[in-house]
All heavy atoms as atom14 arrays in JSON, in Angstrom:
{
  "sequence": "RARPVLHIPDIPFDNAAVLARTAPPFQFDPDKLVHRYDLPSQQP",
  "atom14_mask": [
    [1, 1, 1, 1, 1, 1, 1, 1, 1, 1, 1, 0, 0, 0],
    [1, 1, 1, 1, 1, 0, 0, 0, 0, 0, 0, 0, 0, 0],
    [1, 1, 1, 1, 1, 1, 1, 1, 1, 1, 1, 0, 0, 0],
    [1, 1, 1, 1, 1, 1, 1, 0, 0, 0, 0, 0, 0, 0],
    [1, 1, 1, 1, 1, 1, 1, 0, 0, 0, 0, 0, 0, 0],
    [1, 1, 1, 1, 1, 1, 1, 1, 0, 0, 0, 0, 0, 0],
    [1, 1, 1, 1, 1, 1, 1, 1, 1, 1, 0, 0, 0, 0],
    [1, 1, 1, 1, 1, 1, 1, 1, 0, 0, 0, 0, 0, 0],
    [1, 1, 1, 1, 1, 1, 1, 0, 0, 0, 0, 0, 0, 0],
    [1, 1, 1, 1, 1, 1, 1, 1, 0, 0, 0, 0, 0, 0],
    [1, 1, 1, 1, 1, 1, 1, 1, 0, 0, 0, 0, 0, 0],
    [1, 1, 1, 1, 1, 1, 1, 0, 0, 0, 0, 0, 0, 0],
    [1, 1, 1, 1, 1, 1, 1, 1, 1, 1, 1, 0, 0, 0],
    [1, 1, 1, 1, 1, 1, 1, 1, 0, 0, 0, 0, 0, 0],
    [1, 1, 1, 1, 1, 1, 1, 1, 0, 0, 0, 0, 0, 0],
    [1, 1, 1, 1, 1, 0, 0, 0, 0, 0, 0, 0, 0, 0],
    [1, 1, 1, 1, 1, 0, 0, 0, 0, 0, 0, 0, 0, 0],
    [1, 1, 1, 1, 1, 1, 1, 0, 0, 0, 0, 0, 0, 0],
    [1, 1, 1, 1, 1, 1, 1, 1, 0, 0, 0, 0, 0, 0],
    [1, 1, 1, 1, 1, 0, 0, 0, 0, 0, 0, 0, 0, 0],
    [1, 1, 1, 1, 1, 1, 1, 1, 1, 1, 1, 0, 0, 0],
    [1, 1, 1, 1, 1, 1, 1, 0, 0, 0, 0, 0, 0, 0],
    [1, 1, 1, 1, 1, 0, 0, 0, 0, 0, 0, 0, 0, 0],
    [1, 1, 1, 1, 1, 1, 1, 0, 0, 0, 0, 0, 0, 0],
    [1, 1, 1, 1, 1, 1, 1, 0, 0, 0, 0, 0, 0, 0],
    [1, 1, 1, 1, 1, 1, 1, 1, 1, 1, 1, 0, 0, 0],
    [1, 1, 1, 1, 1, 1, 1, 1, 1, 0, 0, 0, 0, 0],
    [1, 1, 1, 1, 1, 1, 1, 1, 1, 1, 1, 0, 0, 0],
    [1, 1, 1, 1, 1, 1, 1, 1, 0, 0, 0, 0, 0, 0],
    [1, 1, 1, 1, 1, 1, 1, 0, 0, 0, 0, 0, 0, 0],
    [1, 1, 1, 1, 1, 1, 1, 1, 0, 0, 0, 0, 0, 0],
    [1, 1, 1, 1, 1, 1, 1, 1, 1, 0, 0, 0, 0, 0],
    [1, 1, 1, 1, 1, 1, 1, 1, 0, 0, 0, 0, 0, 0],
    [1, 1, 1, 1, 1, 1, 1, 0, 0, 0, 0, 0, 0, 0],
    [1, 1, 1, 1, 1, 1, 1, 1, 1, 1, 0, 0, 0, 0],
    [1, 1, 1, 1, 1, 1, 1, 1, 1, 1, 1, 0, 0, 0],
    [1, 1, 1, 1, 1, 1, 1, 1, 1, 1, 1, 1, 0, 0],
    [1, 1, 1, 1, 1, 1, 1, 1, 0, 0, 0, 0, 0, 0],
    [1, 1, 1, 1, 1, 1, 1, 1, 0, 0, 0, 0, 0, 0],
    [1, 1, 1, 1, 1, 1, 1, 0, 0, 0, 0, 0, 0, 0],
    [1, 1, 1, 1, 1, 1, 0, 0, 0, 0, 0, 0, 0, 0],
    [1, 1, 1, 1, 1, 1, 1, 1, 1, 0, 0, 0, 0, 0],
    [1, 1, 1, 1, 1, 1, 1, 1, 1, 0, 0, 0, 0, 0],
    [1, 1, 1, 1, 1, 1, 1, 0, 0, 0, 0, 0, 0, 0]
  ],
  "atom14_positions": [
    [[112.82, 126.06, 89.87], [113.69, 127.22, 89.82], [112.93, 128.53, 90.04], [113.49, 129.55, 90.41], [114.45, 127.25, 88.49], [115.6, 126.25, 88.45], [116.28, 126.2, 87.13], [116.6, 127.5, 86.58], [117.12, 127.68, 85.37], [117.33, 126.61, 84.6], [117.4, 128.9, 84.93], [0.0, 0.0, 0.0], [0.0, 0.0, 0.0], [0.0, 0.0, 0.0]],
    [[111.62, 128.51, 89.78], [110.8, 129.71, 90.0], [110.57, 129.96, 91.5], [110.24, 131.1, 91.89], [109.48, 129.59, 89.28], [0.0, 0.0, 0.0], [0.0, 0.0, 0.0], [0.0, 0.0, 0.0], [0.0, 0.0, 0.0], [0.0, 0.0, 0.0], [0.0, 0.0, 0.0], [0.0, 0.0, 0.0], [0.0, 0.0, 0.0], [0.0, 0.0, 0.0]],
    [[110.7, 128.95, 92.31], [110.42, 129.12, 93.75], [111.26, 130.24, 94.39], [110.7, 131.13, 95.03], [110.68, 127.82, 94.5], [109.54, 126.79, 94.4], [109.98, 125.5, 95.08], [108.86, 124.58, 95.26], [108.05, 124.55, 96.34], [108.26, 125.43, 97.29], [107.08, 123.7, 96.4], [0.0, 0.0, 0.0], [0.0, 0.0, 0.0], [0.0, 0.0, 0.0]],
    [[112.59, 130.2, 94.28], [113.37, 131.28, 94.91], [113.12, 132.66, 94.27], [113.21, 133.68, 94.95], [114.81, 130.83, 94.74], [114.82, 129.85, 93.62], [113.5, 129.18, 93.69], [0.0, 0.0, 0.0], [0.0, 0.0, 0.0], [0.0, 0.0, 0.0], [0.0, 0.0, 0.0], [0.0, 0.0, 0.0], [0.0, 0.0, 0.0], [0.0, 0.0, 0.0]],
    [[112.83, 132.7, 92.98], [112.54, 133.96, 92.3], [111.32, 134.63, 92.95], [111.3, 135.83, 93.16], [112.32, 133.75, 90.79], [111.87, 135.05, 90.12], [113.56, 133.2, 90.12], [0.0, 0.0, 0.0], [0.0, 0.0, 0.0], [0.0, 0.0, 0.0], [0.0, 0.0, 0.0], [0.0, 0.0, 0.0], [0.0, 0.0, 0.0], [0.0, 0.0, 0.0]],
    [[110.32, 133.82, 93.29], [109.07, 134.32, 93.86], [109.03, 134.2, 95.37], [108.02, 134.52, 95.99], [107.89, 133.6, 93.25], [107.66, 133.85, 91.76], [106.53, 132.95, 91.22], [107.32, 135.31, 91.49], [0.0, 0.0, 0.0], [0.0, 0.0, 0.0], [0.0, 0.0, 0.0], [0.0, 0.0, 0.0], [0.0, 0.0, 0.0], [0.0, 0.0, 0.0]],
    [[110.14, 133.74, 95.98], [110.21, 133.58, 97.43], [109.05, 132.77, 97.97], [108.31, 133.19, 98.85], [110.26, 134.95, 98.1], [111.43, 135.78, 97.68], [111.41, 136.64, 96.6], [112.69, 135.86, 98.19], [112.59, 137.22, 96.44], [113.39, 136.76, 97.4], [0.0, 0.0, 0.0], [0.0, 0.0, 0.0], [0.0, 0.0, 0.0], [0.0, 0.0, 0.0]],
    [[108.95, 131.53, 97.42], [107.9, 130.6, 97.85], [108.46, 129.7, 98.95], [109.59, 129.23, 98.83], [107.43, 129.75, 96.64], [106.83, 130.67, 95.54], [106.41, 128.72, 97.06], [106.56, 129.92, 94.26], [0.0, 0.0, 0.0], [0.0, 0.0, 0.0], [0.0, 0.0, 0.0], [0.0, 0.0, 0.0], [0.0, 0.0, 0.0], [0.0, 0.0, 0.0]],
    [[107.7, 129.46, 100.02], [108.21, 128.58, 101.08], [108.63, 127.22, 100.57], [108.07, 126.71, 99.6], [107.01, 128.46, 102.04], [106.16, 129.65, 101.75], [106.35, 129.97, 100.31], [0.0, 0.0, 0.0], [0.0, 0.0, 0.0], [0.0, 0.0, 0.0], [0.0, 0.0, 0.0], [0.0, 0.0, 0.0], [0.0, 0.0, 0.0], [0.0, 0.0, 0.0]],
    [[109.61, 126.63, 101.25], [110.15, 125.33, 100.82], [109.23, 124.21, 101.29], [109.6, 123.38, 102.16], [111.55, 125.16, 101.37], [112.25, 123.93, 100.78], [111.81, 123.47, 99.7], [113.21, 123.44, 101.39], [0.0, 0.0, 0.0], [0.0, 0.0, 0.0], [0.0, 0.0, 0.0], [0.0, 0.0, 0.0], [0.0, 0.0, 0.0], [0.0, 0.0, 0.0]],
    [[108.04, 124.18, 100.76], [107.04, 123.15, 101.06], [106.58, 122.56, 99.74], [106.35, 123.29, 98.79], [105.83, 123.77, 101.81], [106.25, 124.37, 103.14], [104.73, 122.74, 102.03], [105.17, 125.17, 103.84], [0.0, 0.0, 0.0], [0.0, 0.0, 0.0], [0.0, 0.0, 0.0], [0.0, 0.0, 0.0], [0.0, 0.0, 0.0], [0.0, 0.0, 0.0]],
    [[106.52, 121.23, 99.62], [106.15, 120.66, 98.32], [104.67, 120.92, 97.97], [103.82, 121.09, 98.84], [106.4, 119.17, 98.52], [106.27, 118.95, 99.98], [106.81, 120.2, 100.62], [0.0, 0.0, 0.0], [0.0, 0.0, 0.0], [0.0, 0.0, 0.0], [0.0, 0.0, 0.0], [0.0, 0.0, 0.0], [0.0, 0.0, 0.0], [0.0, 0.0, 0.0]],
    [[104.42, 121.0, 96.68], [103.04, 121.09, 96.19], [102.47, 119.69, 96.03], [103.2, 118.71, 95.83], [103.01, 121.76, 94.82], [103.27, 123.25, 94.85], [104.49, 123.77, 94.49], [102.25, 124.12, 95.25], [104.71, 125.14, 94.52], [102.45, 125.48, 95.27], [103.7, 126.0, 94.91], [0.0, 0.0, 0.0], [0.0, 0.0, 0.0], [0.0, 0.0, 0.0]],
    [[101.15, 119.59, 96.13], [100.45, 118.33, 95.87], [101.04, 117.17, 96.68], [101.2, 116.06, 96.16], [100.48, 117.99, 94.39], [99.8, 119.07, 93.52], [98.76, 119.57, 93.98], [100.32, 119.39, 92.46], [0.0, 0.0, 0.0], [0.0, 0.0, 0.0], [0.0, 0.0, 0.0], [0.0, 0.0, 0.0], [0.0, 0.0, 0.0], [0.0, 0.0, 0.0]],
    [[101.37, 117.43, 97.91], [101.99, 116.42, 98.78], [100.93, 115.87, 99.71], [100.28, 116.61, 100.47], [103.14, 117.03, 99.56], [103.85, 116.02, 100.44], [103.44, 115.79, 101.56], [104.93, 115.45, 99.94], [0.0, 0.0, 0.0], [0.0, 0.0, 0.0], [0.0, 0.0, 0.0], [0.0, 0.0, 0.0], [0.0, 0.0, 0.0], [0.0, 0.0, 0.0]],
    [[100.75, 114.53, 99.71], [99.68, 113.88, 100.48], [99.87, 114.13, 101.98], [98.91, 114.36, 102.7], [99.63, 112.4, 100.18], [0.0, 0.0, 0.0], [0.0, 0.0, 0.0], [0.0, 0.0, 0.0], [0.0, 0.0, 0.0], [0.0, 0.0, 0.0], [0.0, 0.0, 0.0], [0.0, 0.0, 0.0], [0.0, 0.0, 0.0], [0.0, 0.0, 0.0]],
    [[101.11, 114.07, 102.45], [101.37, 114.25, 103.88], [101.04, 115.68, 104.31], [100.42, 115.88, 105.39], [102.82, 113.9, 104.2], [0.0, 0.0, 0.0], [0.0, 0.0, 0.0], [0.0, 0.0, 0.0], [0.0, 0.0, 0.0], [0.0, 0.0, 0.0], [0.0, 0.0, 0.0], [0.0, 0.0, 0.0], [0.0, 0.0, 0.0], [0.0, 0.0, 0.0]],
    [[101.44, 116.64, 103.52], [101.15, 118.03, 103.83], [99.64, 118.27, 103.82], [99.07, 118.91, 104.71], [101.86, 118.99, 102.86], [101.43, 120.44, 103.11], [103.36, 118.86, 103.01], [0.0, 0.0, 0.0], [0.0, 0.0, 0.0], [0.0, 0.0, 0.0], [0.0, 0.0, 0.0], [0.0, 0.0, 0.0], [0.0, 0.0, 0.0], [0.0, 0.0, 0.0]],
    [[98.98, 117.69, 102.83], [97.54, 117.88, 102.7], [96.8, 117.25, 103.88], [95.87, 117.83, 104.43], [97.05, 117.28, 101.38], [95.6, 117.58, 100.99], [95.34, 119.08, 100.91], [95.27, 116.91, 99.68], [0.0, 0.0, 0.0], [0.0, 0.0, 0.0], [0.0, 0.0, 0.0], [0.0, 0.0, 0.0], [0.0, 0.0, 0.0], [0.0, 0.0, 0.0]],
    [[97.24, 116.06, 104.28], [96.6, 115.4, 105.41], [96.76, 116.2, 106.71], [95.86, 116.23, 107.56], [97.2, 114.0, 105.6], [0.0, 0.0, 0.0], [0.0, 0.0, 0.0], [0.0, 0.0, 0.0], [0.0, 0.0, 0.0], [0.0, 0.0, 0.0], [0.0, 0.0, 0.0], [0.0, 0.0, 0.0], [0.0, 0.0, 0.0], [0.0, 0.0, 0.0]],
    [[97.89, 116.89, 106.83], [98.16, 117.67, 108.05], [97.26, 118.91, 108.13], [97.02, 119.44, 109.2], [99.62, 118.06, 108.06], [100.14, 118.54, 109.4], [101.67, 118.61, 109.46], [102.25, 119.62, 108.59], [103.04, 119.35, 107.54], [103.31, 118.1, 107.23], [103.53, 120.29, 106.83], [0.0, 0.0, 0.0], [0.0, 0.0, 0.0], [0.0, 0.0, 0.0]],
    [[96.82, 119.39, 107.0], [96.06, 120.63, 106.96], [94.63, 120.44, 106.5], [93.89, 121.41, 106.32], [96.73, 121.63, 106.03], [96.82, 121.09, 104.71], [98.16, 121.96, 106.51], [0.0, 0.0, 0.0], [0.0, 0.0, 0.0], [0.0, 0.0, 0.0], [0.0, 0.0, 0.0], [0.0, 0.0, 0.0], [0.0, 0.0, 0.0], [0.0, 0.0, 0.0]],
    [[94.21, 119.19, 106.27], [92.9, 118.94, 105.68], [91.78, 119.28, 106.66], [91.94, 119.21, 107.87], [92.81, 117.45, 105.3], [0.0, 0.0, 0.0], [0.0, 0.0, 0.0], [0.0, 0.0, 0.0], [0.0, 0.0, 0.0], [0.0, 0.0, 0.0], [0.0, 0.0, 0.0], [0.0, 0.0, 0.0], [0.0, 0.0, 0.0], [0.0, 0.0, 0.0]],
    [[90.61, 119.66, 106.14], [89.44, 119.92, 107.0], [88.92, 118.63, 107.6], [89.26, 117.52, 107.15], [88.43, 120.53, 106.04], [88.82, 120.0, 104.69], [90.3, 119.87, 104.7], [0.0, 0.0, 0.0], [0.0, 0.0, 0.0], [0.0, 0.0, 0.0], [0.0, 0.0, 0.0], [0.0, 0.0, 0.0], [0.0, 0.0, 0.0], [0.0, 0.0, 0.0]],
    [[88.06, 118.74, 108.62], [87.61, 117.54, 109.34], [86.46, 116.84, 108.64], [85.54, 116.35, 109.31], [87.17, 118.12, 110.7], [86.71, 119.49, 110.39], [87.62, 119.97, 109.27], [0.0, 0.0, 0.0], [0.0, 0.0, 0.0], [0.0, 0.0, 0.0], [0.0, 0.0, 0.0], [0.0, 0.0, 0.0], [0.0, 0.0, 0.0], [0.0, 0.0, 0.0]],
    [[86.48, 116.79, 107.37], [85.48, 116.02, 106.61], [86.09, 115.68, 105.26], [87.08, 116.27, 104.83], [84.18, 116.82, 106.42], [84.37, 118.24, 105.96], [84.55, 118.55, 104.64], [84.37, 119.28, 106.89], [84.74, 119.87, 104.21], [84.56, 120.6, 106.49], [84.74, 120.89, 105.15], [0.0, 0.0, 0.0], [0.0, 0.0, 0.0], [0.0, 0.0, 0.0]],
    [[85.55, 114.67, 104.61], [86.15, 114.1, 103.41], [85.15, 114.07, 102.27], [84.16, 113.35, 102.32], [86.69, 112.69, 103.68], [87.35, 112.02, 102.5], [88.58, 112.77, 102.04], [89.51, 113.0, 102.83], [88.65, 113.16, 100.77], [0.0, 0.0, 0.0], [0.0, 0.0, 0.0], [0.0, 0.0, 0.0], [0.0, 0.0, 0.0], [0.0, 0.0, 0.0]],
    [[85.42, 114.85, 101.24], [84.62, 114.77, 100.03], [84.93, 113.47, 99.29], [85.98, 112.87, 99.47], [84.88, 115.96, 99.1], [84.47, 117.27, 99.63], [85.39, 118.3, 99.84], [83.12, 117.54, 99.9], [85.0, 119.52, 100.32], [82.73, 118.77, 100.39], [83.66, 119.77, 100.61], [0.0, 0.0, 0.0], [0.0, 0.0, 0.0], [0.0, 0.0, 0.0]],
    [[84.0, 113.03, 98.46], [84.24, 111.9, 97.57], [85.39, 112.27, 96.65], [85.27, 113.17, 95.82], [82.98, 111.59, 96.75], [83.14, 110.4, 95.83], [84.28, 109.95, 95.6], [82.11, 109.93, 95.32], [0.0, 0.0, 0.0], [0.0, 0.0, 0.0], [0.0, 0.0, 0.0], [0.0, 0.0, 0.0], [0.0, 0.0, 0.0], [0.0, 0.0, 0.0]],
    [[86.55, 111.58, 96.75], [87.72, 112.0, 95.95], [87.55, 111.81, 94.44], [88.32, 112.35, 93.67], [88.85, 111.07, 96.49], [88.14, 109.9, 97.06], [86.84, 110.43, 97.61], [0.0, 0.0, 0.0], [0.0, 0.0, 0.0], [0.0, 0.0, 0.0], [0.0, 0.0, 0.0], [0.0, 0.0, 0.0], [0.0, 0.0, 0.0], [0.0, 0.0, 0.0]],
    [[86.53, 111.07, 94.03], [86.23, 111.0, 92.59], [85.48, 112.23, 92.11], [85.27, 112.38, 90.9], [85.41, 109.76, 92.3], [86.25, 108.48, 92.33], [87.48, 108.59, 92.2], [85.67, 107.4, 92.51], [0.0, 0.0, 0.0], [0.0, 0.0, 0.0], [0.0, 0.0, 0.0], [0.0, 0.0, 0.0], [0.0, 0.0, 0.0], [0.0, 0.0, 0.0]],
    [[85.07, 113.09, 93.04], [84.32, 114.29, 92.67], [85.08, 115.57, 93.02], [85.26, 116.43, 92.16], [82.93, 114.28, 93.31], [82.05, 113.12, 92.85], [80.7, 113.15, 93.58], [79.8, 112.0, 93.08], [78.51, 111.98, 93.85], [0.0, 0.0, 0.0], [0.0, 0.0, 0.0], [0.0, 0.0, 0.0], [0.0, 0.0, 0.0], [0.0, 0.0, 0.0]],
    [[85.44, 115.7, 94.26], [86.08, 116.91, 94.74], [87.35, 116.56, 95.51], [87.38, 115.64, 96.31], [85.13, 117.72, 95.65], [83.8, 118.22, 95.04], [82.92, 118.81, 96.11], [84.07, 119.21, 93.93], [0.0, 0.0, 0.0], [0.0, 0.0, 0.0], [0.0, 0.0, 0.0], [0.0, 0.0, 0.0], [0.0, 0.0, 0.0], [0.0, 0.0, 0.0]],
    [[88.4, 117.34, 95.26], [89.68, 117.13, 95.95], [90.17, 118.47, 96.46], [89.85, 119.52, 95.91], [90.73, 116.48, 95.04], [90.31, 115.08, 94.63], [90.96, 117.34, 93.78], [0.0, 0.0, 0.0], [0.0, 0.0, 0.0], [0.0, 0.0, 0.0], [0.0, 0.0, 0.0], [0.0, 0.0, 0.0], [0.0, 0.0, 0.0], [0.0, 0.0, 0.0]],
    [[90.95, 118.41, 97.52], [91.56, 119.63, 98.05], [92.94, 119.84, 97.42], [93.74, 118.9, 97.27], [91.71, 119.54, 99.56], [90.42, 119.82, 100.29], [89.7, 118.8, 100.89], [89.74, 120.96, 100.52], [88.6, 119.32, 101.45], [88.6, 120.61, 101.23], [0.0, 0.0, 0.0], [0.0, 0.0, 0.0], [0.0, 0.0, 0.0], [0.0, 0.0, 0.0]],
    [[93.2, 121.09, 97.08], [94.55, 121.49, 96.66], [94.91, 122.76, 97.44], [94.04, 123.54, 97.8], [94.63, 121.78, 95.16], [94.39, 120.53, 94.31], [94.74, 120.82, 92.85], [96.14, 121.0, 92.66], [96.7, 121.55, 91.55], [95.9, 121.97, 90.57], [97.98, 121.7, 91.43], [0.0, 0.0, 0.0], [0.0, 0.0, 0.0], [0.0, 0.0, 0.0]],
    [[96.18, 122.93, 97.69], [96.61, 124.12, 98.41], [97.61, 124.91, 97.56], [98.37, 124.35, 96.78], [97.23, 123.75, 99.76], [98.37, 122.75, 99.69], [99.68, 123.16, 99.45], [98.15, 121.38, 99.88], [100.72, 122.27, 99.4], [99.19, 120.46, 99.81], [100.46, 120.92, 99.56], [101.5, 120.01, 99.48], [0.0, 0.0, 0.0], [0.0, 0.0, 0.0]],
    [[97.58, 126.22, 97.74], [98.58, 127.05, 97.12], [99.56, 127.55, 98.19], [99.26, 127.45, 99.4], [97.95, 128.24, 96.39], [97.17, 129.15, 97.35], [96.03, 128.84, 97.67], [97.75, 130.17, 97.78], [0.0, 0.0, 0.0], [0.0, 0.0, 0.0], [0.0, 0.0, 0.0], [0.0, 0.0, 0.0], [0.0, 0.0, 0.0], [0.0, 0.0, 0.0]],
    [[100.69, 128.04, 97.77], [101.68, 128.6, 98.68], [101.89, 130.08, 98.37], [101.85, 130.46, 97.21], [103.01, 127.85, 98.55], [102.99, 126.36, 98.86], [104.3, 125.7, 98.55], [102.64, 126.15, 100.36], [0.0, 0.0, 0.0], [0.0, 0.0, 0.0], [0.0, 0.0, 0.0], [0.0, 0.0, 0.0], [0.0, 0.0, 0.0], [0.0, 0.0, 0.0]],
    [[102.08, 130.89, 99.36], [102.17, 132.35, 99.12], [103.6, 132.77, 98.76], [104.57, 132.32, 99.34], [101.77, 132.96, 100.47], [102.23, 131.93, 101.47], [102.04, 130.58, 100.83], [0.0, 0.0, 0.0], [0.0, 0.0, 0.0], [0.0, 0.0, 0.0], [0.0, 0.0, 0.0], [0.0, 0.0, 0.0], [0.0, 0.0, 0.0], [0.0, 0.0, 0.0]],
    [[103.71, 133.65, 97.78], [104.95, 134.36, 97.6], [105.16, 135.28, 98.81], [104.27, 136.06, 99.17], [104.9, 135.25, 96.33], [106.01, 136.12, 96.3], [0.0, 0.0, 0.0], [0.0, 0.0, 0.0], [0.0, 0.0, 0.0], [0.0, 0.0, 0.0], [0.0, 0.0, 0.0], [0.0, 0.0, 0.0], [0.0, 0.0, 0.0], [0.0, 0.0, 0.0]],
    [[106.29, 135.14, 99.45], [106.54, 135.91, 100.65], [107.02, 137.32, 100.36], [107.06, 138.17, 101.25], [107.54, 135.18, 101.57], [106.97, 133.85, 102.05], [107.98, 133.01, 102.84], [109.14, 132.95, 102.49], [107.5, 132.35, 103.88], [0.0, 0.0, 0.0], [0.0, 0.0, 0.0], [0.0, 0.0, 0.0], [0.0, 0.0, 0.0], [0.0, 0.0, 0.0]],
    [[107.33, 137.58, 99.08], [107.67, 138.93, 98.64], [107.11, 139.13, 97.23], [107.82, 139.06, 96.23], [109.19, 139.14, 98.62], [109.85, 139.02, 99.99], [111.32, 139.42, 99.95], [111.7, 140.48, 99.58], [112.16, 138.48, 100.38], [0.0, 0.0, 0.0], [0.0, 0.0, 0.0], [0.0, 0.0, 0.0], [0.0, 0.0, 0.0], [0.0, 0.0, 0.0]],
    [[105.79, 139.39, 97.14], [105.14, 139.39, 95.83], [105.38, 140.65, 94.99], [105.1, 140.64, 93.79], [103.66, 139.26, 96.17], [103.53, 139.84, 97.54], [104.8, 139.52, 98.24], [0.0, 0.0, 0.0], [0.0, 0.0, 0.0], [0.0, 0.0, 0.0], [0.0, 0.0, 0.0], [0.0, 0.0, 0.0], [0.0, 0.0, 0.0], [0.0, 0.0, 0.0]]
  ]
}
């Protein structure tokens, strides 16, 4: 419910498919380092 209040894009958080689409061209050991992405408020 906070998404529309903060005008956050309709993209899921912590989504494997989204992360794979935007991941860098190298892979850290997932037991040590993982990638997470944030989404911008379009009207902060």
